[in-house]
N, C-alpha and C. Protein backbone atom coordinates (compact mmCIF):
# COMPACT_ATOMS: atom_id res chain seq x y z
N VAL A 1 23.61 7.19 27.66
CA VAL A 1 22.50 6.49 27.03
C VAL A 1 22.25 7.13 25.67
N THR A 2 22.14 6.31 24.64
CA THR A 2 21.87 6.80 23.30
C THR A 2 20.39 6.65 22.98
N LEU A 3 19.77 7.72 22.55
CA LEU A 3 18.37 7.67 22.14
C LEU A 3 18.30 7.46 20.64
N LEU A 4 17.47 6.54 20.22
CA LEU A 4 17.31 6.26 18.80
C LEU A 4 16.05 6.91 18.28
N HIS A 5 16.19 8.00 17.64
CA HIS A 5 15.10 8.68 16.94
C HIS A 5 13.81 8.76 17.76
N GLY A 6 13.92 9.27 18.99
CA GLY A 6 12.73 9.50 19.79
C GLY A 6 12.31 8.34 20.67
N LEU A 7 13.01 7.23 20.64
CA LEU A 7 12.65 6.10 21.50
C LEU A 7 13.17 6.38 22.91
N PRO A 8 12.36 6.12 23.95
CA PRO A 8 12.84 6.34 25.32
C PRO A 8 13.88 5.29 25.69
N PRO A 9 14.82 5.63 26.61
CA PRO A 9 15.80 4.63 27.03
C PRO A 9 15.11 3.50 27.78
N GLN A 10 15.67 2.30 27.69
CA GLN A 10 15.10 1.12 28.33
C GLN A 10 15.83 0.86 29.65
N GLY A 11 15.09 0.79 30.77
CA GLY A 11 15.65 0.42 32.05
C GLY A 11 15.64 -1.09 32.19
N LYS A 12 16.25 -1.58 33.28
CA LYS A 12 16.32 -3.03 33.48
C LYS A 12 14.94 -3.66 33.65
N ASN A 13 14.02 -2.93 34.27
CA ASN A 13 12.71 -3.49 34.56
C ASN A 13 11.65 -3.16 33.50
N GLN A 14 12.03 -2.45 32.46
CA GLN A 14 11.07 -2.06 31.44
C GLN A 14 10.99 -3.10 30.34
N GLN A 15 9.80 -3.24 29.78
CA GLN A 15 9.61 -4.11 28.62
C GLN A 15 10.23 -3.43 27.40
N PRO A 16 10.87 -4.18 26.51
CA PRO A 16 11.39 -3.56 25.29
C PRO A 16 10.23 -3.08 24.42
N ASN A 17 10.52 -2.08 23.59
CA ASN A 17 9.49 -1.59 22.67
C ASN A 17 9.06 -2.74 21.77
N LYS A 18 7.76 -2.88 21.62
CA LYS A 18 7.23 -4.00 20.84
C LYS A 18 6.79 -3.52 19.47
N ILE A 19 6.96 -4.38 18.50
CA ILE A 19 6.45 -4.11 17.16
C ILE A 19 4.94 -4.29 17.20
N PRO A 20 4.18 -3.41 16.54
CA PRO A 20 2.71 -3.55 16.57
C PRO A 20 2.26 -4.92 16.09
N THR A 21 1.30 -5.46 16.80
CA THR A 21 0.74 -6.75 16.40
C THR A 21 -0.28 -6.55 15.31
N LYS A 22 -0.74 -7.64 14.72
CA LYS A 22 -1.72 -7.57 13.65
C LYS A 22 -3.00 -6.88 14.13
N ASP A 23 -3.39 -7.09 15.41
CA ASP A 23 -4.59 -6.43 15.94
C ASP A 23 -4.44 -4.92 15.95
N LYS A 24 -3.26 -4.44 16.29
CA LYS A 24 -3.04 -2.99 16.32
C LYS A 24 -2.98 -2.42 14.91
N ILE A 25 -2.39 -3.18 14.00
CA ILE A 25 -2.30 -2.72 12.62
C ILE A 25 -3.69 -2.60 12.00
N ALA A 26 -4.59 -3.50 12.38
CA ALA A 26 -5.93 -3.50 11.80
C ALA A 26 -6.68 -2.19 12.09
N THR A 27 -6.28 -1.48 13.15
CA THR A 27 -6.95 -0.22 13.47
C THR A 27 -6.30 0.96 12.73
N ALA A 28 -5.21 0.71 12.03
CA ALA A 28 -4.54 1.77 11.27
C ALA A 28 -5.41 2.18 10.09
N PRO A 29 -5.25 3.43 9.62
CA PRO A 29 -6.04 3.87 8.46
C PRO A 29 -5.74 3.02 7.22
N LEU A 30 -6.76 2.79 6.45
CA LEU A 30 -6.61 2.01 5.21
C LEU A 30 -6.20 2.92 4.07
N PHE A 31 -5.61 2.31 3.03
CA PHE A 31 -5.26 3.08 1.84
C PHE A 31 -5.57 2.28 0.59
N THR A 32 -5.66 2.98 -0.52
CA THR A 32 -5.95 2.39 -1.83
C THR A 32 -4.66 2.36 -2.64
N VAL A 33 -4.39 1.22 -3.27
CA VAL A 33 -3.23 1.09 -4.16
C VAL A 33 -3.72 1.27 -5.59
N ILE A 34 -3.05 2.15 -6.33
CA ILE A 34 -3.38 2.37 -7.74
C ILE A 34 -2.19 1.90 -8.57
N LEU A 35 -2.41 0.86 -9.37
CA LEU A 35 -1.36 0.31 -10.23
C LEU A 35 -1.71 0.60 -11.68
N GLN A 36 -0.79 1.22 -12.38
CA GLN A 36 -0.98 1.46 -13.81
C GLN A 36 -0.10 0.47 -14.56
N THR A 37 -0.67 -0.16 -15.58
CA THR A 37 0.10 -1.18 -16.29
C THR A 37 -0.12 -1.10 -17.80
N TYR A 38 0.89 -1.57 -18.52
CA TYR A 38 0.82 -1.70 -19.97
C TYR A 38 1.75 -2.84 -20.37
N ASN A 39 1.17 -3.91 -20.93
CA ASN A 39 1.93 -5.06 -21.43
C ASN A 39 2.85 -5.71 -20.40
N ARG A 40 2.43 -5.78 -19.13
CA ARG A 40 3.24 -6.41 -18.09
C ARG A 40 2.37 -7.27 -17.19
N THR A 41 1.57 -8.15 -17.76
CA THR A 41 0.64 -8.96 -16.98
C THR A 41 1.36 -9.82 -15.95
N ASP A 42 2.54 -10.37 -16.29
CA ASP A 42 3.28 -11.21 -15.35
C ASP A 42 3.68 -10.41 -14.11
N LEU A 43 4.20 -9.21 -14.30
CA LEU A 43 4.59 -8.36 -13.18
C LEU A 43 3.36 -7.87 -12.42
N LEU A 44 2.28 -7.58 -13.13
CA LEU A 44 1.06 -7.13 -12.49
C LEU A 44 0.54 -8.17 -11.50
N LEU A 45 0.51 -9.43 -11.88
CA LEU A 45 0.03 -10.49 -10.98
C LEU A 45 0.90 -10.60 -9.73
N LYS A 46 2.20 -10.44 -9.88
CA LYS A 46 3.10 -10.46 -8.73
C LYS A 46 2.80 -9.28 -7.80
N LEU A 47 2.60 -8.10 -8.37
CA LEU A 47 2.30 -6.92 -7.56
C LEU A 47 0.95 -7.06 -6.86
N LEU A 48 -0.03 -7.62 -7.55
CA LEU A 48 -1.34 -7.82 -6.93
C LEU A 48 -1.23 -8.76 -5.73
N ASN A 49 -0.47 -9.83 -5.87
CA ASN A 49 -0.25 -10.74 -4.74
C ASN A 49 0.44 -10.04 -3.59
N HIS A 50 1.44 -9.23 -3.91
CA HIS A 50 2.18 -8.51 -2.88
C HIS A 50 1.28 -7.54 -2.12
N TYR A 51 0.61 -6.66 -2.83
CA TYR A 51 -0.19 -5.61 -2.18
C TYR A 51 -1.44 -6.16 -1.51
N SER A 52 -2.01 -7.23 -2.03
CA SER A 52 -3.22 -7.77 -1.41
C SER A 52 -2.93 -8.44 -0.06
N ALA A 53 -1.66 -8.70 0.22
CA ALA A 53 -1.28 -9.31 1.50
C ALA A 53 -1.06 -8.27 2.60
N ILE A 54 -1.13 -6.99 2.27
CA ILE A 54 -0.92 -5.93 3.26
C ILE A 54 -2.24 -5.63 3.96
N ASP A 55 -2.22 -5.71 5.28
CA ASP A 55 -3.45 -5.56 6.07
C ASP A 55 -4.14 -4.22 5.93
N THR A 56 -3.39 -3.17 5.64
CA THR A 56 -3.99 -1.84 5.60
C THR A 56 -4.42 -1.40 4.20
N VAL A 57 -4.38 -2.32 3.25
CA VAL A 57 -4.87 -2.01 1.89
C VAL A 57 -6.37 -2.24 1.85
N ASP A 58 -7.12 -1.21 1.48
CA ASP A 58 -8.58 -1.32 1.36
C ASP A 58 -8.95 -2.00 0.05
N ARG A 59 -8.35 -1.55 -1.03
CA ARG A 59 -8.58 -2.15 -2.35
C ARG A 59 -7.46 -1.75 -3.28
N ILE A 60 -7.40 -2.44 -4.41
CA ILE A 60 -6.39 -2.17 -5.43
C ILE A 60 -7.11 -1.80 -6.72
N ILE A 61 -6.69 -0.71 -7.33
CA ILE A 61 -7.25 -0.28 -8.61
C ILE A 61 -6.17 -0.47 -9.66
N VAL A 62 -6.48 -1.25 -10.69
CA VAL A 62 -5.55 -1.47 -11.79
C VAL A 62 -5.99 -0.60 -12.96
N VAL A 63 -5.15 0.37 -13.30
CA VAL A 63 -5.41 1.24 -14.44
C VAL A 63 -4.84 0.50 -15.66
N TRP A 64 -5.75 -0.11 -16.43
CA TRP A 64 -5.36 -0.98 -17.54
C TRP A 64 -5.20 -0.15 -18.80
N ASN A 65 -3.95 0.11 -19.20
CA ASN A 65 -3.65 0.96 -20.36
C ASN A 65 -3.47 0.19 -21.66
N ASN A 66 -3.71 -1.10 -21.66
CA ASN A 66 -3.62 -1.89 -22.90
C ASN A 66 -4.92 -1.69 -23.68
N VAL A 67 -4.99 -0.59 -24.40
CA VAL A 67 -6.21 -0.23 -25.14
C VAL A 67 -6.58 -1.33 -26.13
N GLY A 68 -7.83 -1.77 -26.07
CA GLY A 68 -8.32 -2.79 -26.98
C GLY A 68 -8.09 -4.22 -26.51
N GLU A 69 -7.37 -4.40 -25.41
CA GLU A 69 -7.12 -5.73 -24.87
C GLU A 69 -7.91 -5.92 -23.58
N THR A 70 -8.34 -7.14 -23.34
CA THR A 70 -9.12 -7.46 -22.14
C THR A 70 -8.19 -7.59 -20.94
N PRO A 71 -8.53 -6.96 -19.81
CA PRO A 71 -7.72 -7.13 -18.60
C PRO A 71 -7.75 -8.59 -18.14
N PRO A 72 -6.72 -9.04 -17.41
CA PRO A 72 -6.63 -10.45 -16.99
C PRO A 72 -7.49 -10.76 -15.76
N ILE A 73 -8.74 -10.35 -15.81
CA ILE A 73 -9.64 -10.56 -14.67
C ILE A 73 -9.83 -12.05 -14.40
N ASP A 74 -10.08 -12.84 -15.44
CA ASP A 74 -10.30 -14.28 -15.27
C ASP A 74 -9.06 -14.96 -14.68
N LEU A 75 -7.88 -14.56 -15.15
CA LEU A 75 -6.64 -15.13 -14.65
C LEU A 75 -6.48 -14.79 -13.17
N TRP A 76 -6.73 -13.55 -12.79
CA TRP A 76 -6.63 -13.14 -11.39
C TRP A 76 -7.65 -13.87 -10.52
N ASN A 77 -8.88 -14.00 -11.01
CA ASN A 77 -9.92 -14.67 -10.24
C ASN A 77 -9.67 -16.17 -10.09
N ALA A 78 -8.85 -16.74 -10.95
CA ALA A 78 -8.52 -18.16 -10.84
C ALA A 78 -7.69 -18.44 -9.59
N TYR A 79 -7.05 -17.42 -9.04
CA TYR A 79 -6.21 -17.57 -7.85
C TYR A 79 -6.94 -17.13 -6.59
N ARG A 80 -8.17 -17.51 -6.42
CA ARG A 80 -8.96 -17.11 -5.25
C ARG A 80 -8.55 -17.91 -4.03
N PRO A 81 -8.90 -17.48 -2.83
CA PRO A 81 -9.60 -16.26 -2.48
C PRO A 81 -8.63 -15.08 -2.36
N HIS A 82 -9.17 -13.87 -2.48
CA HIS A 82 -8.38 -12.66 -2.37
C HIS A 82 -8.84 -11.87 -1.15
N PRO A 83 -7.92 -11.46 -0.31
CA PRO A 83 -8.31 -10.70 0.87
C PRO A 83 -8.68 -9.25 0.57
N VAL A 84 -8.35 -8.78 -0.62
CA VAL A 84 -8.57 -7.38 -1.00
C VAL A 84 -9.28 -7.34 -2.34
N ARG A 85 -10.22 -6.43 -2.47
CA ARG A 85 -10.91 -6.25 -3.75
C ARG A 85 -9.96 -5.61 -4.77
N VAL A 86 -10.00 -6.12 -5.99
CA VAL A 86 -9.21 -5.58 -7.10
C VAL A 86 -10.16 -5.15 -8.20
N ASP A 87 -10.06 -3.88 -8.60
CA ASP A 87 -10.88 -3.34 -9.69
C ASP A 87 -9.98 -3.08 -10.89
N PHE A 88 -10.30 -3.73 -12.02
CA PHE A 88 -9.59 -3.48 -13.27
C PHE A 88 -10.35 -2.41 -14.03
N LEU A 89 -9.68 -1.32 -14.37
CA LEU A 89 -10.33 -0.21 -15.06
C LEU A 89 -9.68 0.02 -16.42
N PRO A 90 -10.26 -0.55 -17.49
CA PRO A 90 -9.71 -0.34 -18.84
C PRO A 90 -9.80 1.13 -19.23
N GLN A 91 -8.77 1.62 -19.91
CA GLN A 91 -8.71 3.01 -20.33
C GLN A 91 -8.93 3.11 -21.84
N SER A 92 -9.43 4.26 -22.27
CA SER A 92 -9.69 4.45 -23.70
C SER A 92 -8.45 4.92 -24.45
N GLU A 93 -7.45 5.42 -23.73
CA GLU A 93 -6.18 5.79 -24.35
C GLU A 93 -5.04 5.54 -23.37
N ASN A 94 -3.85 5.26 -23.90
CA ASN A 94 -2.69 4.95 -23.09
C ASN A 94 -1.97 6.24 -22.72
N ARG A 95 -2.20 6.72 -21.50
CA ARG A 95 -1.58 7.96 -21.04
C ARG A 95 -1.03 7.75 -19.63
N MET A 96 0.12 8.31 -19.34
CA MET A 96 0.71 8.22 -18.00
C MET A 96 -0.19 8.87 -16.96
N ARG A 97 -0.90 9.88 -17.32
CA ARG A 97 -1.73 10.60 -16.34
C ARG A 97 -3.03 9.87 -15.99
N ASN A 98 -3.31 8.75 -16.64
CA ASN A 98 -4.54 8.00 -16.33
C ASN A 98 -4.62 7.62 -14.85
N ARG A 99 -3.48 7.34 -14.23
CA ARG A 99 -3.48 6.93 -12.82
C ARG A 99 -3.84 8.09 -11.88
N LEU A 100 -3.83 9.31 -12.37
CA LEU A 100 -4.11 10.48 -11.54
C LEU A 100 -5.58 10.86 -11.51
N ARG A 101 -6.40 10.15 -12.27
CA ARG A 101 -7.83 10.47 -12.29
C ARG A 101 -8.46 10.25 -10.92
N ASP A 102 -9.58 10.89 -10.69
CA ASP A 102 -10.30 10.73 -9.42
C ASP A 102 -11.31 9.59 -9.59
N PHE A 103 -10.85 8.37 -9.35
CA PHE A 103 -11.68 7.18 -9.55
C PHE A 103 -12.75 7.09 -8.48
N ARG A 104 -13.97 6.81 -8.88
CA ARG A 104 -15.08 6.69 -7.92
C ARG A 104 -14.92 5.47 -7.03
N GLU A 105 -14.07 4.53 -7.41
CA GLU A 105 -13.83 3.32 -6.62
C GLU A 105 -13.00 3.60 -5.36
N ILE A 106 -12.35 4.74 -5.30
CA ILE A 106 -11.50 5.07 -4.16
C ILE A 106 -12.38 5.47 -2.98
N ARG A 107 -12.21 4.77 -1.84
CA ARG A 107 -13.01 5.05 -0.65
C ARG A 107 -12.14 5.56 0.50
N THR A 108 -10.86 5.71 0.29
CA THR A 108 -9.94 6.10 1.35
C THR A 108 -9.33 7.47 1.05
N ASP A 109 -8.82 8.10 2.10
CA ASP A 109 -8.13 9.37 1.92
C ASP A 109 -6.71 9.16 1.42
N ALA A 110 -6.10 8.05 1.81
CA ALA A 110 -4.71 7.76 1.45
C ALA A 110 -4.65 6.89 0.20
N ARG A 111 -3.67 7.22 -0.67
CA ARG A 111 -3.46 6.45 -1.91
C ARG A 111 -1.98 6.17 -2.08
N SER A 112 -1.68 5.07 -2.70
CA SER A 112 -0.31 4.77 -3.11
C SER A 112 -0.37 4.51 -4.60
N GLU A 113 0.29 5.36 -5.36
CA GLU A 113 0.28 5.22 -6.82
C GLU A 113 1.60 4.65 -7.26
N GLU A 114 1.57 3.45 -7.82
CA GLU A 114 2.78 2.76 -8.24
C GLU A 114 2.88 2.77 -9.75
């Protein structure tokens, strides 16, 4: 019998291991997605759609590095409803380290910085 990375062997009368259902995933810890962007609004909207569909995402923070330009909040809001809150945070200077700040909008222990 071959064991696959800690999975117990399956007997004839045993149920196969099941993938967690949406109900079980909902009890998993939530995390915050931090997206930093500069001059890539088209890609940003695709990423927002992707990450907002993940059940364990609490909220998405967009670190907007296009200094002097308005974030595409109206464009994003035109595609309602959104299952996840998205906060656009304009920055005063374009720096790679902007995404590392301790944003007060973060309510989770886990973060994913893209």
